[in-house]
Every structure is written in C-alpha cells, then in structure tokens.
Protein backbone atom coordinates (compact mmCIF):
# COMPACT_ATOMS: atom_id res chain seq x y z
CA MET A 1 -162.06 23.24 207.13
CA PRO A 2 -158.97 21.30 208.88
CA GLU A 3 -157.50 22.32 212.02
CA ARG A 4 -154.12 23.73 211.75
CA THR A 5 -151.66 21.72 213.29
CA ASP A 6 -148.54 23.49 212.55
CA PHE A 7 -147.59 25.44 215.42
CA GLU A 8 -148.33 22.22 217.94
CA PRO A 9 -145.57 21.53 219.69
CA GLY A 10 -142.76 19.41 217.84
CA SER A 11 -144.18 20.99 214.94
CA GLY A 12 -141.29 21.30 211.93
CA VAL A 13 -142.94 24.86 211.15
CA ARG A 14 -143.06 26.14 214.91
CA ARG A 15 -139.12 25.01 215.32
CA THR A 16 -138.12 26.76 211.94
CA ARG A 17 -139.97 30.11 212.90
CA MET A 18 -138.41 29.84 215.87
CA ALA A 19 -134.92 29.33 214.12
CA ALA A 20 -135.46 31.81 211.69
CA GLU A 21 -136.18 34.73 214.67
CA ARG A 22 -132.90 33.16 216.13
CA THR A 23 -131.14 34.13 212.76
CA LEU A 24 -132.65 37.56 212.14
CA LEU A 25 -131.70 38.68 215.28
CA ALA A 26 -127.71 37.21 214.78
CA TRP A 27 -128.17 39.53 211.33
CA TRP A 28 -129.26 42.48 213.64
CA ARG A 29 -126.42 41.76 216.00
CA THR A 30 -123.99 41.94 213.03
CA GLY A 31 -125.22 45.18 211.76
CA LEU A 32 -125.08 46.28 214.74
CA ALA A 33 -121.54 45.43 215.09
CA ALA A 34 -120.69 46.80 211.83
CA LEU A 35 -122.49 49.84 212.69
CA ALA A 36 -120.19 50.02 215.87
CA VAL A 37 -117.06 49.75 213.55
CA GLY A 38 -118.02 52.97 211.48
CA VAL A 39 -118.53 54.70 214.51
CA GLY A 40 -114.97 53.31 215.81
CA VAL A 41 -113.12 53.92 212.29
CA GLY A 42 -115.02 57.35 211.33
CA ARG A 43 -115.16 59.17 214.67
CA VAL A 44 -113.01 57.86 217.63
CA VAL A 45 -109.56 56.64 215.88
CA PRO A 46 -109.47 60.62 213.93
CA GLU A 47 -109.84 61.82 217.03
CA LEU A 48 -108.00 59.48 218.93
CA GLY A 49 -105.00 58.77 216.77
CA ASP A 50 -102.47 60.96 215.17
CA VAL A 51 -103.51 61.15 211.52
CA GLY A 52 -103.00 63.21 209.33
CA ASN A 53 -105.91 63.06 206.77
CA HIS A 54 -109.22 61.99 208.37
CA TRP A 55 -111.66 61.66 205.41
CA PRO A 56 -110.09 58.25 205.07
CA TYR A 57 -111.19 56.94 208.18
CA ILE A 58 -114.58 58.55 207.99
CA ALA A 59 -115.12 57.57 204.45
CA LEU A 60 -114.47 53.36 205.73
CA GLY A 61 -116.70 54.56 208.60
CA ILE A 62 -119.40 55.26 206.43
CA LEU A 63 -119.27 52.29 204.43
CA PHE A 64 -119.47 50.30 207.22
CA ALA A 65 -122.48 52.03 208.44
CA LEU A 66 -123.89 51.45 205.38
CA TYR A 67 -122.99 47.56 205.39
CA GLY A 68 -124.45 47.47 208.81
CA ILE A 69 -127.98 48.72 207.45
CA ALA A 70 -127.99 46.36 204.31
CA LEU A 71 -128.07 43.45 207.14
CA PHE A 72 -130.18 45.24 208.89
CA TRP A 73 -132.63 45.26 205.61
CA ILE A 74 -131.39 41.93 204.17
CA GLY A 75 -132.05 39.66 207.64
CA SER A 76 -135.36 41.46 207.76
CA ARG A 77 -136.26 40.66 204.78
CA ARG A 78 -134.96 37.52 204.58
CA VAL A 79 -136.95 36.21 208.27
CA ILE A 80 -140.02 37.42 206.10
CA ALA A 81 -139.61 35.35 202.68
CA VAL A 82 -138.79 32.55 205.30
CA GLY A 83 -142.53 33.14 207.04
CA ARG A 84 -144.18 33.15 203.53
CA ALA A 85 -142.17 29.94 202.52
CA LEU A 86 -143.15 28.22 205.42
CA GLU A 87 -146.85 28.94 204.56
CA HIS A 88 -146.77 27.81 201.17
CA ASP A 89 -144.57 24.55 202.61
CA ALA A 90 -141.97 25.51 200.70
CA TYR A 91 -138.10 26.39 201.05
CA ASP A 92 -136.88 29.51 200.61
CA GLU A 93 -132.77 29.65 200.42
CA LEU A 94 -130.45 33.04 200.43
CA GLY A 95 -129.53 33.64 196.93
CA PRO A 96 -126.09 33.43 196.15
CA ARG A 97 -125.76 36.46 194.90
CA THR A 98 -127.16 37.89 197.99
CA MET A 99 -124.29 35.75 199.65
CA ALA A 100 -121.87 36.59 197.08
CA GLY A 101 -122.50 40.17 197.45
CA LEU A 102 -122.36 40.24 201.58
CA THR A 103 -118.69 38.36 200.77
CA ALA A 104 -117.50 40.61 198.75
CA ALA A 105 -118.69 43.55 200.49
CA GLY A 106 -117.11 42.27 203.84
CA VAL A 107 -113.85 41.50 201.65
CA ALA A 108 -113.89 45.12 200.37
CA LEU A 109 -113.93 46.18 203.81
CA ALA A 110 -111.06 44.10 205.37
CA LEU A 111 -109.33 45.35 202.28
CA LEU A 112 -109.73 48.92 202.36
CA THR A 113 -109.16 48.84 206.48
CA LEU A 114 -105.91 47.63 205.89
CA LEU A 115 -105.16 50.29 202.83
CA VAL A 116 -105.82 52.71 205.57
CA ILE A 117 -104.25 51.28 208.72
CA ALA A 118 -101.47 50.84 206.09
CA PHE A 119 -101.60 54.15 204.73
CA GLY A 120 -103.87 56.84 206.28
C-alpha cells in the first residue's frame, strides 16, 4: 500500500483542509453576528426604545436568529462536503441555489429591518 503524502508540508490537500477550517470559522462568526443582531433587535431595542408594538421587533429578531442558525448549519455541512471531496481528489462547489437562498434571505432581512425602522 503506498504511503499517504497528501498531508506532508507543502501539500495542496493540507492547505485546502486548513482553508476549509478557516472558512468554517467565518461561517460561524457570521452566524454569531446574526444571532447577536437577533437578540439586539428582538429584545434590546424594544426595551430601550420608545416603540409602540414590540411584535415587529421580536419577529425580526427571530428571523435574524434563524438566519444565524442556518449559517451554522450550512457552514458545518460545507466543511464536511469539502473534506469528502478532497478524499476523492474532487472539488465540491457551493451550489448556486444555496448561495441564492442565503443572498435572498439576507436581502429580505435588510428590507424588513428598513420597514421595521421606518414604520415600527
């Protein structure tokens, strides 16, 4: 059986696995930021601000929290998929549907935030 050399210094696989780990941490940081925004919008702003209805802020906070959870999930699944692809000397691309979904959700959250600020 040949000796594995893909983890030796200078190996492309080793660098790619390390890059995937760093990318996973970026997904998690973004997820944590979305969760923090969710807490801020859903709990802190209604308590500190002079807002009539709290429900739009709470609903928006929940949506940001769900977005953060989705980022944790997708990022974690992504690093697993990249690892499996490397084991087969292949490439795993983040699908256009996933990217479009994340983008659409982010844009929707931004627009909802604008609406809540303007009319909340």
